[in-house]
Amino acid sequence: MGSRDFYDIFNECVDRMAAGQSLEACLRLYPAEPLACARCW
């Protein structure tokens, strides 16, 4: 999974979405890790 841990990416996506960012925006930040962000939804 690269240098970022799944849970780090997941938590960052959750935080970003809680702040109003869309799921699509999070997915664009981590194109190699779509499942980590997609599970936020």
Protein backbone atom coordinates (compact mmCIF):
# COMPACT_ATOMS: atom_id res chain seq x y z
CA MET A 1 0.00 0.00 0.00
CA GLY A 2 2.86 2.41 -0.32
CA SER A 3 4.22 4.57 2.45
CA ARG A 4 0.83 5.56 3.87
CA ASP A 5 -1.02 3.12 6.07
CA PHE A 6 -4.61 2.24 5.11
CA TYR A 7 -5.95 3.62 8.39
CA ASP A 8 -4.01 6.88 8.03
CA ILE A 9 -5.57 7.47 4.61
CA PHE A 10 -9.01 6.38 5.83
CA ASN A 11 -8.84 8.73 8.82
CA GLU A 12 -7.64 11.62 6.69
CA CYS A 13 -10.52 11.08 4.26
CA VAL A 14 -13.02 10.96 7.14
CA ASP A 15 -11.59 14.20 8.55
CA ARG A 16 -11.71 15.89 5.14
CA MET A 17 -15.30 14.80 4.55
CA ALA A 18 -16.31 15.97 8.03
CA ALA A 19 -14.86 19.36 7.06
CA GLY A 20 -17.05 19.44 3.95
CA GLN A 21 -14.84 17.94 1.26
CA SER A 22 -16.52 15.52 -1.13
CA LEU A 23 -15.72 11.83 -1.45
CA GLU A 24 -14.67 12.47 -5.05
CA ALA A 25 -12.13 15.08 -3.91
CA CYS A 26 -10.66 12.59 -1.44
CA LEU A 27 -10.45 9.92 -4.12
CA ARG A 28 -8.53 12.32 -6.35
CA LEU A 29 -5.97 12.83 -3.55
CA TYR A 30 -5.29 9.09 -3.29
CA PRO A 31 -5.78 7.56 -6.76
CA ALA A 32 -3.65 4.54 -5.84
CA GLU A 33 -5.68 3.85 -2.69
CA PRO A 34 -9.35 4.09 -3.73
CA LEU A 35 -10.63 1.56 -1.19
CA ALA A 36 -9.28 3.50 1.77
CA CYS A 37 -11.28 6.58 0.82
CA ALA A 38 -14.27 4.77 -0.63
CA ARG A 39 -14.90 3.06 2.71
CA CYS A 40 -15.50 6.50 4.21
CA TRP A 41 -18.76 6.64 2.35
